[in-house]
Amino acid sequence: MESIPRNFFFKVMINENFTRELQLPPVFVRLHEEILPVKAKLRISSGETWNVKLEQTDDKQYFFTRGRNKFVKYFRLQLGEFVMFTLSGNSIFDVTVFGINQCDRKIDFSDSHPDEEQG
């Protein structure tokens, strides 16, 4: 039986640390370390993206860093919510946010995108 590649992971917002750091799970890193980009995009179903940086610590832990806060603030992520990340290739992580009601969260896209330049 052929194994299915594990190209996704999820994070549950269980403490306040998610506003400061989003760590990739060690097993996911081990499976994909050779293809993990330094710069990536977080993409939602509408096609909107957020540029983020992936940084590696000395002990081989990976974190979403620069740009991550814009994503967290845009979605107004809260404790108890669940975020699924799928590595789609070409440095893109497709992202689905689930609210505390366990359903995917819809966002009012009339708000301006946080990566847009203010004029």
PDB file of N, CA and C in Angstrom:
ATOM      1  N   MET A   1       0.847  -1.184   0.000  1.00  0.00           N
ATOM      2  CA  MET A   1       0.000   0.000   0.000  1.00  0.00           C
ATOM      3  C   MET A   1       0.890   1.244   0.000  1.00  0.00           C
ATOM      4  N   GLU A   2       0.617   2.155  -0.904  1.00  0.00           N
ATOM      5  CA  GLU A   2       1.397   3.376  -1.023  1.00  0.00           C
ATOM      6  C   GLU A   2       0.962   4.376   0.041  1.00  0.00           C
ATOM      7  N   SER A   3       1.953   5.012   0.678  1.00  0.00           N
ATOM      8  CA  SER A   3       1.598   5.985   1.713  1.00  0.00           C
ATOM      9  C   SER A   3       1.234   7.321   1.074  1.00  0.00           C
ATOM     10  N   ILE A   4       0.342   8.018   1.716  1.00  0.00           N
ATOM     11  CA  ILE A   4      -0.112   9.325   1.248  1.00  0.00           C
ATOM     12  C   ILE A   4       0.779  10.383   1.893  1.00  0.00           C
ATOM     13  N   PRO A   5       1.338  11.308   1.097  1.00  0.00           N
ATOM     14  CA  PRO A   5       2.181  12.340   1.692  1.00  0.00           C
ATOM     15  C   PRO A   5       1.380  13.223   2.644  1.00  0.00           C
ATOM     16  N   ARG A   6       1.989  13.543   3.748  1.00  0.00           N
ATOM     17  CA  ARG A   6       1.336  14.395   4.752  1.00  0.00           C
ATOM     18  C   ARG A   6       1.717  15.841   4.471  1.00  0.00           C
ATOM     19  N   ASN A   7       0.963  16.471   3.600  1.00  0.00           N
ATOM     20  CA  ASN A   7       1.306  17.832   3.211  1.00  0.00           C
ATOM     21  C   ASN A   7       0.464  18.881   3.930  1.00  0.00           C
ATOM     22  N   PHE A   8      -0.161  18.497   5.035  1.00  0.00           N
ATOM     23  CA  PHE A   8      -0.956  19.471   5.777  1.00  0.00           C
ATOM     24  C   PHE A   8      -0.751  19.281   7.275  1.00  0.00           C
ATOM     25  N   PHE A   9      -1.073  20.333   8.004  1.00  0.00           N
ATOM     26  CA  PHE A   9      -1.060  20.283   9.466  1.00  0.00           C
ATOM     27  C   PHE A   9      -2.070  21.296   9.967  1.00  0.00           C
ATOM     28  N   PHE A  10      -2.395  21.210  11.240  1.00  0.00           N
ATOM     29  CA  PHE A  10      -3.321  22.182  11.807  1.00  0.00           C
ATOM     30  C   PHE A  10      -2.759  22.732  13.104  1.00  0.00           C
ATOM     31  N   LYS A  11      -3.254  23.893  13.461  1.00  0.00           N
ATOM     32  CA  LYS A  11      -2.904  24.538  14.724  1.00  0.00           C
ATOM     33  C   LYS A  11      -4.205  24.916  15.414  1.00  0.00           C
ATOM     34  N   VAL A  12      -4.285  24.584  16.685  1.00  0.00           N
ATOM     35  CA  VAL A  12      -5.417  25.008  17.501  1.00  0.00           C
ATOM     36  C   VAL A  12      -4.928  26.177  18.339  1.00  0.00           C
ATOM     37  N   MET A  13      -5.667  27.257  18.325  1.00  0.00           N
ATOM     38  CA  MET A  13      -5.278  28.444  19.082  1.00  0.00           C
ATOM     39  C   MET A  13      -5.642  28.208  20.551  1.00  0.00           C
ATOM     40  N   ILE A  14      -4.708  27.587  21.295  1.00  0.00           N
ATOM     41  CA  ILE A  14      -5.022  27.177  22.665  1.00  0.00           C
ATOM     42  C   ILE A  14      -4.398  28.059  23.729  1.00  0.00           C
ATOM     43  N   ASN A  15      -3.500  28.949  23.343  1.00  0.00           N
ATOM     44  CA  ASN A  15      -2.962  29.902  24.307  1.00  0.00           C
ATOM     45  C   ASN A  15      -2.604  31.186  23.575  1.00  0.00           C
ATOM     46  N   GLU A  16      -2.219  32.177  24.304  1.00  0.00           N
ATOM     47  CA  GLU A  16      -1.956  33.495  23.714  1.00  0.00           C
ATOM     48  C   GLU A  16      -0.726  33.514  22.814  1.00  0.00           C
ATOM     49  N   ASN A  17       0.100  32.460  22.819  1.00  0.00           N
ATOM     50  CA  ASN A  17       1.321  32.456  22.019  1.00  0.00           C
ATOM     51  C   ASN A  17       1.069  32.581  20.523  1.00  0.00           C
ATOM     52  N   PHE A  18      -0.101  32.178  20.037  1.00  0.00           N
ATOM     53  CA  PHE A  18      -0.336  32.224  18.593  1.00  0.00           C
ATOM     54  C   PHE A  18      -0.255  33.642  18.055  1.00  0.00           C
ATOM     55  N   THR A  19      -0.424  34.645  18.905  1.00  0.00           N
ATOM     56  CA  THR A  19      -0.291  36.018  18.423  1.00  0.00           C
ATOM     57  C   THR A  19       1.174  36.396  18.235  1.00  0.00           C
ATOM     58  N   ARG A  20       2.077  35.630  18.847  1.00  0.00           N
ATOM     59  CA  ARG A  20       3.508  35.919  18.737  1.00  0.00           C
ATOM     60  C   ARG A  20       4.262  34.928  17.861  1.00  0.00           C
ATOM     61  N   GLU A  21       3.783  33.686  17.789  1.00  0.00           N
ATOM     62  CA  GLU A  21       4.506  32.682  17.012  1.00  0.00           C
ATOM     63  C   GLU A  21       3.559  31.605  16.499  1.00  0.00           C
ATOM     64  N   LEU A  22       3.859  31.105  15.322  1.00  0.00           N
ATOM     65  CA  LEU A  22       3.133  29.959  14.762  1.00  0.00           C
ATOM     66  C   LEU A  22       4.185  28.948  14.312  1.00  0.00           C
ATOM     67  N   GLN A  23       4.343  27.895  15.096  1.00  0.00           N
ATOM     68  CA  GLN A  23       5.361  26.887  14.815  1.00  0.00           C
ATOM     69  C   GLN A  23       4.806  25.781  13.926  1.00  0.00           C
ATOM     70  N   LEU A  24       5.618  25.347  12.973  1.00  0.00           N
ATOM     71  CA  LEU A  24       5.264  24.192  12.158  1.00  0.00           C
ATOM     72  C   LEU A  24       5.574  22.939  12.963  1.00  0.00           C
ATOM     73  N   PRO A  25       4.726  21.927  12.926  1.00  0.00           N
ATOM     74  CA  PRO A  25       4.961  20.709  13.699  1.00  0.00           C
ATOM     75  C   PRO A  25       6.256  20.006  13.260  1.00  0.00           C
ATOM     76  N   PRO A  26       7.035  19.485  14.217  1.00  0.00           N
ATOM     77  CA  PRO A  26       8.302  18.816  13.884  1.00  0.00           C
ATOM     78  C   PRO A  26       8.163  17.680  12.869  1.00  0.00           C
ATOM     79  N   VAL A  27       7.110  16.888  12.939  1.00  0.00           N
ATOM     80  CA  VAL A  27       6.934  15.788  11.982  1.00  0.00           C
ATOM     81  C   VAL A  27       6.738  16.346  10.573  1.00  0.00           C
ATOM     82  N   PHE A  28       5.946  17.402  10.434  1.00  0.00           N
ATOM     83  CA  PHE A  28       5.739  18.042   9.136  1.00  0.00           C
ATOM     84  C   PHE A  28       7.072  18.557   8.598  1.00  0.00           C
ATOM     85  N   VAL A  29       7.866  19.189   9.457  1.00  0.00           N
ATOM     86  CA  VAL A  29       9.169  19.720   9.045  1.00  0.00           C
ATOM     87  C   VAL A  29      10.068  18.589   8.559  1.00  0.00           C
ATOM     88  N   ARG A  30      10.122  17.493   9.306  1.00  0.00           N
ATOM     89  CA  ARG A  30      10.968  16.358   8.901  1.00  0.00           C
ATOM     90  C   ARG A  30      10.576  15.835   7.518  1.00  0.00           C
ATOM     91  N   LEU A  31       9.293  15.769   7.244  1.00  0.00           N
ATOM     92  CA  LEU A  31       8.819  15.249   5.960  1.00  0.00           C
ATOM     93  C   LEU A  31       9.067  16.201   4.788  1.00  0.00           C
ATOM     94  N   HIS A  32       9.133  17.506   5.078  1.00  0.00           N
ATOM     95  CA  HIS A  32       9.184  18.499   4.001  1.00  0.00           C
ATOM     96  C   HIS A  32      10.367  19.455   4.092  1.00  0.00           C
ATOM     97  N   GLU A  33      11.312  19.191   4.983  1.00  0.00           N
ATOM     98  CA  GLU A  33      12.394  20.149   5.237  1.00  0.00           C
ATOM     99  C   GLU A  33      13.138  20.563   3.969  1.00  0.00           C
ATOM    100  N   GLU A  34      13.353  19.627   3.064  1.00  0.00           N
ATOM    101  CA  GLU A  34      14.123  19.944   1.859  1.00  0.00           C
ATOM    102  C   GLU A  34      13.393  20.897   0.914  1.00  0.00           C
ATOM    103  N   ILE A  35      12.080  20.989   1.034  1.00  0.00           N
ATOM    104  CA  ILE A  35      11.338  21.869   0.120  1.00  0.00           C
ATOM    105  C   ILE A  35      10.708  23.070   0.825  1.00  0.00           C
ATOM    106  N   LEU A  36      10.922  23.197   2.147  1.00  0.00           N
ATOM    107  CA  LEU A  36      10.336  24.346   2.842  1.00  0.00           C
ATOM    108  C   LEU A  36      11.015  25.625   2.373  1.00  0.00           C
ATOM    109  N   PRO A  37      10.232  26.605   1.958  1.00  0.00           N
ATOM    110  CA  PRO A  37      10.806  27.851   1.450  1.00  0.00           C
ATOM    111  C   PRO A  37      11.195  28.791   2.588  1.00  0.00           C
ATOM    112  N   VAL A  38      11.998  29.784   2.268  1.00  0.00           N
ATOM    113  CA  VAL A  38      12.303  30.849   3.227  1.00  0.00           C
ATOM    114  C   VAL A  38      11.163  31.859   3.223  1.00  0.00           C
ATOM    115  N   LYS A  39      10.653  32.136   2.035  1.00  0.00           N
ATOM    116  CA  LYS A  39       9.508  33.035   1.889  1.00  0.00           C
ATOM    117  C   LYS A  39       8.338  32.219   1.364  1.00  0.00           C
ATOM    118  N   ALA A  40       7.169  32.453   1.943  1.00  0.00           N
ATOM    119  CA  ALA A  40       5.987  31.694   1.542  1.00  0.00           C
ATOM    120  C   ALA A  40       4.784  32.625   1.494  1.00  0.00           C
ATOM    121  N   LYS A  41       3.684  32.086   1.015  1.00  0.00           N
ATOM    122  CA  LYS A  41       2.413  32.808   1.007  1.00  0.00           C
ATOM    123  C   LYS A  41       1.376  31.957   1.718  1.00  0.00           C
ATOM    124  N   LEU A  42       0.554  32.615   2.514  1.00  0.00           N
ATOM    125  CA  LEU A  42      -0.620  31.983   3.101  1.00  0.00           C
ATOM    126  C   LEU A  42      -1.786  32.394   2.216  1.00  0.00           C
ATOM    127  N   ARG A  43      -2.502  31.427   1.657  1.00  0.00           N
ATOM    128  CA  ARG A  43      -3.574  31.724   0.695  1.00  0.00           C
ATOM    129  C   ARG A  43      -4.895  31.164   1.212  1.00  0.00           C
ATOM    130  N   ILE A  44      -5.941  31.984   1.134  1.00  0.00           N
ATOM    131  CA  ILE A  44      -7.271  31.532   1.541  1.00  0.00           C
ATOM    132  C   ILE A  44      -8.095  31.226   0.294  1.00  0.00           C
ATOM    133  N   SER A  45      -9.268  30.640   0.485  1.00  0.00           N
ATOM    134  CA  SER A  45     -10.072  30.145  -0.641  1.00  0.00           C
ATOM    135  C   SER A  45     -10.463  31.231  -1.641  1.00  0.00           C
ATOM    136  N   SER A  46     -10.539  32.481  -1.205  1.00  0.00           N
ATOM    137  CA  SER A  46     -10.886  33.570  -2.123  1.00  0.00           C
ATOM    138  C   SER A  46      -9.720  33.940  -3.032  1.00  0.00           C
ATOM    139  N   GLY A  47      -8.531  33.403  -2.733  1.00  0.00           N
ATOM    140  CA  GLY A  47      -7.346  33.712  -3.526  1.00  0.00           C
ATOM    141  C   GLY A  47      -6.452  34.763  -2.908  1.00  0.00           C
ATOM    142  N   GLU A  48      -6.926  35.439  -1.869  1.00  0.00           N
ATOM    143  CA  GLU A  48      -6.094  36.443  -1.215  1.00  0.00           C
ATOM    144  C   GLU A  48      -4.905  35.772  -0.548  1.00  0.00           C
ATOM    145  N   THR A  49      -3.759  36.474  -0.545  1.00  0.00           N
ATOM    146  CA  THR A  49      -2.545  35.908   0.047  1.00  0.00           C
ATOM    147  C   THR A  49      -1.886  36.884   1.011  1.00  0.00           C
ATOM    148  N   TRP A  50      -1.106  36.308   1.917  1.00  0.00           N
ATOM    149  CA  TRP A  50      -0.282  37.054   2.857  1.00  0.00           C
ATOM    150  C   TRP A  50       1.131  36.529   2.724  1.00  0.00           C
ATOM    151  N   ASN A  51       2.081  37.434   2.526  1.00  0.00           N
ATOM    152  CA  ASN A  51       3.484  37.045   2.455  1.00  0.00           C
ATOM    153  C   ASN A  51       4.005  36.818   3.864  1.00  0.00           C
ATOM    154  N   VAL A  52       4.656  35.683   4.074  1.00  0.00           N
ATOM    155  CA  VAL A  52       5.246  35.361   5.372  1.00  0.00           C
ATOM    156  C   VAL A  52       6.657  34.836   5.155  1.00  0.00           C
ATOM    157  N   LYS A  53       7.409  34.842   6.230  1.00  0.00           N
ATOM    158  CA  LYS A  53       8.753  34.287   6.203  1.00  0.00           C
ATOM    159  C   LYS A  53       8.763  33.048   7.082  1.00  0.00           C
ATOM    160  N   LEU A  54       9.500  32.030   6.665  1.00  0.00           N
ATOM    161  CA  LEU A  54       9.712  30.837   7.484  1.00  0.00           C
ATOM    162  C   LEU A  54      11.125  30.921   8.036  1.00  0.00           C
ATOM    163  N   GLU A  55      11.242  30.879   9.351  1.00  0.00           N
ATOM    164  CA  GLU A  55      12.562  30.939   9.969  1.00  0.00           C
ATOM    165  C   GLU A  55      12.831  29.662  10.737  1.00  0.00           C
ATOM    166  N   GLN A  56      14.099  29.228  10.647  1.00  0.00           N
ATOM    167  CA  GLN A  56      14.529  28.015  11.331  1.00  0.00           C
ATOM    168  C   GLN A  56      15.394  28.398  12.523  1.00  0.00           C
ATOM    169  N   THR A  57      15.140  27.766  13.669  1.00  0.00           N
ATOM    170  CA  THR A  57      15.962  27.992  14.852  1.00  0.00           C
ATOM    171  C   THR A  57      17.145  27.026  14.832  1.00  0.00           C
ATOM    172  N   ASP A  58      18.076  27.222  15.756  1.00  0.00           N
ATOM    173  CA  ASP A  58      19.250  26.350  15.838  1.00  0.00           C
ATOM    174  C   ASP A  58      18.877  24.892  16.067  1.00  0.00           C
ATOM    175  N   ASP A  59      17.762  24.654  16.745  1.00  0.00           N
ATOM    176  CA  ASP A  59      17.351  23.270  17.018  1.00  0.00           C
ATOM    177  C   ASP A  59      16.348  22.747  15.980  1.00  0.00           C
ATOM    178  N   LYS A  60      16.399  23.327  14.768  1.00  0.00           N
ATOM    179  CA  LYS A  60      15.613  22.870  13.610  1.00  0.00           C
ATOM    180  C   LYS A  60      14.106  22.983  13.792  1.00  0.00           C
ATOM    181  N   GLN A  61      13.661  23.939  14.569  1.00  0.00           N
ATOM    182  CA  GLN A  61      12.236  24.240  14.634  1.00  0.00           C
ATOM    183  C   GLN A  61      11.962  25.332  13.599  1.00  0.00           C
ATOM    184  N   TYR A  62      10.805  25.256  12.971  1.00  0.00           N
ATOM    185  CA  TYR A  62      10.425  26.248  11.968  1.00  0.00           C
ATOM    186  C   TYR A  62       9.206  27.022  12.453  1.00  0.00           C
ATOM    187  N   PHE A  63       9.223  28.331  12.181  1.00  0.00           N
ATOM    188  CA  PHE A  63       8.133  29.215  12.575  1.00  0.00           C
ATOM    189  C   PHE A  63       7.754  30.108  11.402  1.00  0.00           C
ATOM    190  N   PHE A  64       6.449  30.399  11.271  1.00  0.00           N
ATOM    191  CA  PHE A  64       6.023  31.484  10.399  1.00  0.00           C
ATOM    192  C   PHE A  64       6.362  32.759  11.156  1.00  0.00           C
ATOM    193  N   THR A  65       7.089  33.668  10.521  1.00  0.00           N
ATOM    194  CA  THR A  65       7.456  34.912  11.203  1.00  0.00           C
ATOM    195  C   THR A  65       6.935  36.099  10.399  1.00  0.00           C
ATOM    196  N   ARG A  66       7.798  36.939   9.921  1.00  0.00           N
ATOM    197  CA  ARG A  66       7.423  38.195   9.285  1.00  0.00           C
ATOM    198  C   ARG A  66       6.194  38.039   8.390  1.00  0.00           C
ATOM    199  N   GLY A  67       5.177  38.852   8.642  1.00  0.00           N
ATOM    200  CA  GLY A  67       3.939  38.806   7.871  1.00  0.00           C
ATOM    201  C   GLY A  67       2.833  38.011   8.541  1.00  0.00           C
ATOM    202  N   ARG A  68       3.205  37.148   9.457  1.00  0.00           N
ATOM    203  CA  ARG A  68       2.232  36.298  10.153  1.00  0.00           C
ATOM    204  C   ARG A  68       1.221  37.133  10.935  1.00  0.00           C
ATOM    205  N   ASN A  69       1.691  38.204  11.585  1.00  0.00           N
ATOM    206  CA  ASN A  69       0.790  39.030  12.396  1.00  0.00           C
ATOM    207  C   ASN A  69      -0.320  39.663  11.569  1.00  0.00           C
ATOM    208  N   LYS A  70      -0.025  40.039  10.330  1.00  0.00           N
ATOM    209  CA  LYS A  70      -1.062  40.621   9.468  1.00  0.00           C
ATOM    210  C   LYS A  70      -2.174  39.609   9.232  1.00  0.00           C
ATOM    211  N   PHE A  71      -1.792  38.354   9.023  1.00  0.00           N
ATOM    212  CA  PHE A  71      -2.773  37.288   8.817  1.00  0.00           C
ATOM    213  C   PHE A  71      -3.604  37.081  10.080  1.00  0.00           C
ATOM    214  N   VAL A  72      -2.937  36.986  11.228  1.00  0.00           N
ATOM    215  CA  VAL A  72      -3.621  36.773  12.515  1.00  0.00           C
ATOM    216  C   VAL A  72      -4.596  37.914  12.793  1.00  0.00           C
ATOM    217  N   LYS A  73      -4.149  39.150  12.566  1.00  0.00           N
ATOM    218  CA  LYS A  73      -5.009  40.311  12.827  1.00  0.00           C
ATOM    219  C   LYS A  73      -6.174  40.386  11.839  1.00  0.00           C
ATOM    220  N   TYR A  74      -5.917  40.084  10.567  1.00  0.00           N
ATOM    221  CA  TYR A  74      -6.970  40.155   9.559  1.00  0.00           C
ATOM    222  C   TYR A  74      -8.111  39.201   9.897  1.00  0.00           C
ATOM    223  N   PHE A  75      -7.760  37.992  10.329  1.00  0.00           N
ATOM    224  CA  PHE A  75      -8.774  37.004  10.684  1.00  0.00           C
ATOM    225  C   PHE A  75      -9.282  37.170  12.107  1.00  0.00           C
ATOM    226  N   ARG A  76      -8.650  38.055  12.861  1.00  0.00           N
ATOM    227  CA  ARG A  76      -9.018  38.250  14.268  1.00  0.00           C
ATOM    228  C   ARG A  76      -9.087  36.891  14.967  1.00  0.00           C
ATOM    229  N   LEU A  77      -8.012  36.105  14.777  1.00  0.00           N
ATOM    230  CA  LEU A  77      -7.969  34.763  15.366  1.00  0.00           C
ATOM    231  C   LEU A  77      -8.151  34.836  16.870  1.00  0.00           C
ATOM    232  N   GLN A  78      -8.909  33.887  17.388  1.00  0.00           N
ATOM    233  CA  GLN A  78      -9.244  33.864  18.809  1.00  0.00           C
ATOM    234  C   GLN A  78      -8.911  32.506  19.406  1.00  0.00           C
ATOM    235  N   LEU A  79      -8.803  32.490  20.735  1.00  0.00           N
ATOM    236  CA  LEU A  79      -8.586  31.230  21.431  1.00  0.00           C
ATOM    237  C   LEU A  79      -9.678  30.240  21.062  1.00  0.00           C
ATOM    238  N   GLY A  80      -9.302  28.989  20.859  1.00  0.00           N
ATOM    239  CA  GLY A  80     -10.256  27.940  20.538  1.00  0.00           C
ATOM    240  C   GLY A  80     -10.479  27.729  19.056  1.00  0.00           C
ATOM    241  N   GLU A  81     -10.001  28.653  18.221  1.00  0.00           N
ATOM    242  CA  GLU A  81     -10.157  28.467  16.783  1.00  0.00           C
ATOM    243  C   GLU A  81      -9.077  27.519  16.263  1.00  0.00           C
ATOM    244  N   PHE A  82      -9.301  27.010  15.074  1.00  0.00           N
ATOM    245  CA  PHE A  82      -8.513  25.935  14.484  1.00  0.00           C
ATOM    246  C   PHE A  82      -8.120  26.381  13.082  1.00  0.00           C
ATOM    247  N   VAL A  83      -6.836  26.276  12.747  1.00  0.00           N
ATOM    248  CA  VAL A  83      -6.369  26.708  11.429  1.00  0.00           C
ATOM    249  C   VAL A  83      -5.661  25.538  10.753  1.00  0.00           C
ATOM    250  N   MET A  84      -6.064  25.228   9.527  1.00  0.00           N
ATOM    251  CA  MET A  84      -5.431  24.146   8.773  1.00  0.00           C
ATOM    252  C   MET A  84      -4.570  24.737   7.666  1.00  0.00           C
ATOM    253  N   PHE A  85      -3.323  24.248   7.574  1.00  0.00           N
ATOM    254  CA  PHE A  85      -2.354  24.696   6.581  1.00  0.00           C
ATOM    255  C   PHE A  85      -2.038  23.522   5.658  1.00  0.00           C
ATOM    256  N   THR A  86      -2.148  23.726   4.346  1.00  0.00           N
ATOM    257  CA  THR A  86      -1.820  22.689   3.369  1.00  0.00           C
ATOM    258  C   THR A  86      -0.732  23.213   2.444  1.00  0.00           C
ATOM    259  N   LEU A  87       0.407  22.537   2.428  1.00  0.00           N
ATOM    260  CA  LEU A  87       1.499  22.922   1.541  1.00  0.00           C
ATOM    261  C   LEU A  87       1.110  22.524   0.126  1.00  0.00           C
ATOM    262  N   SER A  88       0.897  23.537  -0.720  1.00  0.00           N
ATOM    263  CA  SER A  88       0.393  23.293  -2.073  1.00  0.00           C
ATOM    264  C   SER A  88       1.479  23.384  -3.127  1.00  0.00           C
ATOM    265  N   GLY A  89       2.704  23.516  -2.709  1.00  0.00           N
ATOM    266  CA  GLY A  89       3.801  23.663  -3.662  1.00  0.00           C
ATOM    267  C   GLY A  89       4.025  25.118  -4.003  1.00  0.00           C
ATOM    268  N   ASN A  90       5.147  25.379  -4.661  1.00  0.00           N
ATOM    269  CA  ASN A  90       5.491  26.746  -5.065  1.00  0.00           C
ATOM    270  C   ASN A  90       5.403  27.734  -3.913  1.00  0.00           C
ATOM    271  N   SER A  91       5.815  27.312  -2.728  1.00  0.00           N
ATOM    272  CA  SER A  91       5.882  28.189  -1.553  1.00  0.00           C
ATOM    273  C   SER A  91       4.521  28.691  -1.085  1.00  0.00           C
ATOM    274  N   ILE A  92       3.470  27.955  -1.365  1.00  0.00           N
ATOM    275  CA  ILE A  92       2.123  28.376  -0.971  1.00  0.00           C
ATOM    276  C   ILE A  92       1.538  27.399   0.042  1.00  0.00           C
ATOM    277  N   PHE A  93       1.002  27.969   1.111  1.00  0.00           N
ATOM    278  CA  PHE A  93       0.234  27.206   2.085  1.00  0.00           C
ATOM    279  C   PHE A  93      -1.218  27.651   1.953  1.00  0.00           C
ATOM    280  N   ASP A  94      -2.089  26.737   1.540  1.00  0.00           N
ATOM    281  CA  ASP A  94      -3.518  27.042   1.531  1.00  0.00           C
ATOM    282  C   ASP A  94      -4.014  26.935   2.964  1.00  0.00           C
ATOM    283  N   VAL A  95      -4.815  27.901   3.377  1.00  0.00           N
ATOM    284  CA  VAL A  95      -5.220  28.009   4.774  1.00  0.00           C
ATOM    285  C   VAL A  95      -6.739  28.031   4.887  1.00  0.00           C
ATOM    286  N   THR A  96      -7.252  27.273   5.849  1.00  0.00           N
ATOM    287  CA  THR A  96      -8.670  27.310   6.197  1.00  0.00           C
ATOM    288  C   THR A  96      -8.766  27.582   7.687  1.00  0.00           C
ATOM    289  N   VAL A  97      -9.578  28.561   8.052  1.00  0.00           N
ATOM    290  CA  VAL A  97      -9.777  28.915   9.457  1.00  0.00           C
ATOM    291  C   VAL A  97     -11.146  28.410   9.884  1.00  0.00           C
ATOM    292  N   PHE A  98     -11.172  27.684  10.996  1.00  0.00           N
ATOM    293  CA  PHE A  98     -12.412  27.173  11.570  1.00  0.00           C
ATOM    294  C   PHE A  98     -12.683  27.916  12.869  1.00  0.00           C
ATOM    295  N   GLY A  99     -13.895  28.403  13.020  1.00  0.00           N
ATOM    296  CA  GLY A  99     -14.279  29.120  14.229  1.00  0.00           C
ATOM    297  C   GLY A  99     -14.529  28.176  15.391  1.00  0.00           C
ATOM    298  N   ILE A 100     -14.866  28.754  16.532  1.00  0.00           N
ATOM    299  CA  ILE A 100     -15.129  27.919  17.706  1.00  0.00           C
ATOM    300  C   ILE A 100     -16.393  27.091  17.531  1.00  0.00           C
ATOM    301  N   ASN A 101     -17.202  27.407  16.501  1.00  0.00           N
ATOM    302  CA  ASN A 101     -18.388  26.599  16.195  1.00  0.00           C
ATOM    303  C   ASN A 101     -18.038  25.390  15.319  1.00  0.00           C
ATOM    304  N   GLN A 102     -16.753  25.185  15.043  1.00  0.00           N
ATOM    305  CA  GLN A 102     -16.211  24.057  14.286  1.00  0.00           C
ATOM    306  C   GLN A 102     -16.528  24.108  12.795  1.00  0.00           C
ATOM    307  N   CYS A 103     -16.981  25.252  12.299  1.00  0.00           N
ATOM    308  CA  CYS A 103     -17.245  25.438  10.872  1.00  0.00           C
ATOM    309  C   CYS A 103     -16.234  26.429  10.311  1.00  0.00           C
ATOM    310  N   ASP A 104     -15.973  26.321   8.988  1.00  0.00           N
ATOM    311  CA  ASP A 104     -14.999  27.262   8.446  1.00  0.00           C
ATOM    312  C   ASP A 104     -15.545  28.675   8.543  1.00  0.00           C
ATOM    313  N   ARG A 105     -14.619  29.554   8.852  1.00  0.00           N
ATOM    314  CA  ARG A 105     -14.978  30.921   9.172  1.00  0.00           C
ATOM    315  C   ARG A 105     -15.029  31.759   7.915  1.00  0.00           C
ATOM    316  N   LYS A 106     -16.096  32.514   7.746  1.00  0.00           N
ATOM    317  CA  LYS A 106     -16.238  33.440   6.628  1.00  0.00           C
ATOM    318  C   LYS A 106     -15.814  34.820   7.107  1.00  0.00           C
ATOM    319  N   ILE A 107     -15.172  35.550   6.212  1.00  0.00           N
ATOM    320  CA  ILE A 107     -14.665  36.879   6.532  1.00  0.00           C
ATOM    321  C   ILE A 107     -15.344  37.890   5.619  1.00  0.00           C
ATOM    322  N   ASP A 108     -15.609  39.069   6.162  1.00  0.00           N
ATOM    323  CA  ASP A 108     -16.146  40.159   5.354  1.00  0.00           C
ATOM    324  C   ASP A 108     -14.984  40.769   4.581  1.00  0.00           C
ATOM    325  N   PHE A 109     -14.929  40.511   3.278  1.00  0.00           N
ATOM    326  CA  PHE A 109     -13.814  40.972   2.476  1.00  0.00           C
ATOM    327  C   PHE A 109     -13.950  42.424   2.041  1.00  0.00           C
ATOM    328  N   SER A 110     -14.925  43.142   2.588  1.00  0.00           N
ATOM    329  CA  SER A 110     -15.021  44.564   2.281  1.00  0.00           C
ATOM    330  C   SER A 110     -13.932  45.337   3.018  1.00  0.00           C
ATOM    331  N   ASP A 111     -13.382  44.714   4.086  1.00  0.00           N
ATOM    332  CA  ASP A 111     -12.246  45.336   4.765  1.00  0.00           C
ATOM    333  C   ASP A 111     -11.057  45.315   3.810  1.00  0.00           C
ATOM    334  N   SER A 112     -10.183  46.311   3.936  1.00  0.00           N
ATOM    335  CA  SER A 112      -9.014  46.311   3.063  1.00  0.00           C
ATOM    336  C   SER A 112      -8.045  45.224   3.507  1.00  0.00           C
ATOM    337  N   HIS A 113      -7.350  44.665   2.536  1.00  0.00           N
ATOM    338  CA  HIS A 113      -6.366  43.614   2.788  1.00  0.00           C
ATOM    339  C   HIS A 113      -5.187  44.236   3.530  1.00  0.00           C
ATOM    340  N   PRO A 114      -4.664  43.579   4.555  1.00  0.00           N
ATOM    341  CA  PRO A 114      -3.584  44.158   5.343  1.00  0.00           C
ATOM    342  C   PRO A 114      -2.292  44.354   4.575  1.00  0.00           C
ATOM    343  N   ASP A 115      -2.075  43.677   3.455  1.00  0.00           N
ATOM    344  CA  ASP A 115      -0.854  43.868   2.684  1.00  0.00           C
ATOM    345  C   ASP A 115      -0.980  45.000   1.673  1.00  0.00           C
ATOM    346  N   GLU A 116      -2.185  45.580   1.539  1.00  0.00           N
ATOM    347  CA  GLU A 116      -2.372  46.664   0.581  1.00  0.00           C
ATOM    348  C   GLU A 116      -1.723  47.932   1.113  1.00  0.00           C
ATOM    349  N   GLU A 117      -1.144  48.688   0.216  1.00  0.00           N
ATOM    350  CA  GLU A 117      -0.538  49.961   0.575  1.00  0.00           C
ATOM    351  C   GLU A 117      -1.629  50.999   0.831  1.00  0.00           C
ATOM    352  N   GLN A 118      -1.460  51.768   1.861  1.00  0.00           N
ATOM    353  CA  GLN A 118      -2.384  52.866   2.128  1.00  0.00           C
ATOM    354  C   GLN A 118      -1.913  54.088   1.351  1.00  0.00           C
ATOM    355  N   GLY A 119      -2.826  54.781   0.648  1.00  0.00           N
ATOM    356  CA  GLY A 119      -2.447  55.889  -0.207  1.00  0.00           C
ATOM    357  C   GLY A 119      -2.569  57.198   0.388  1.00  0.00           C
TER     358      GLY A 119
END
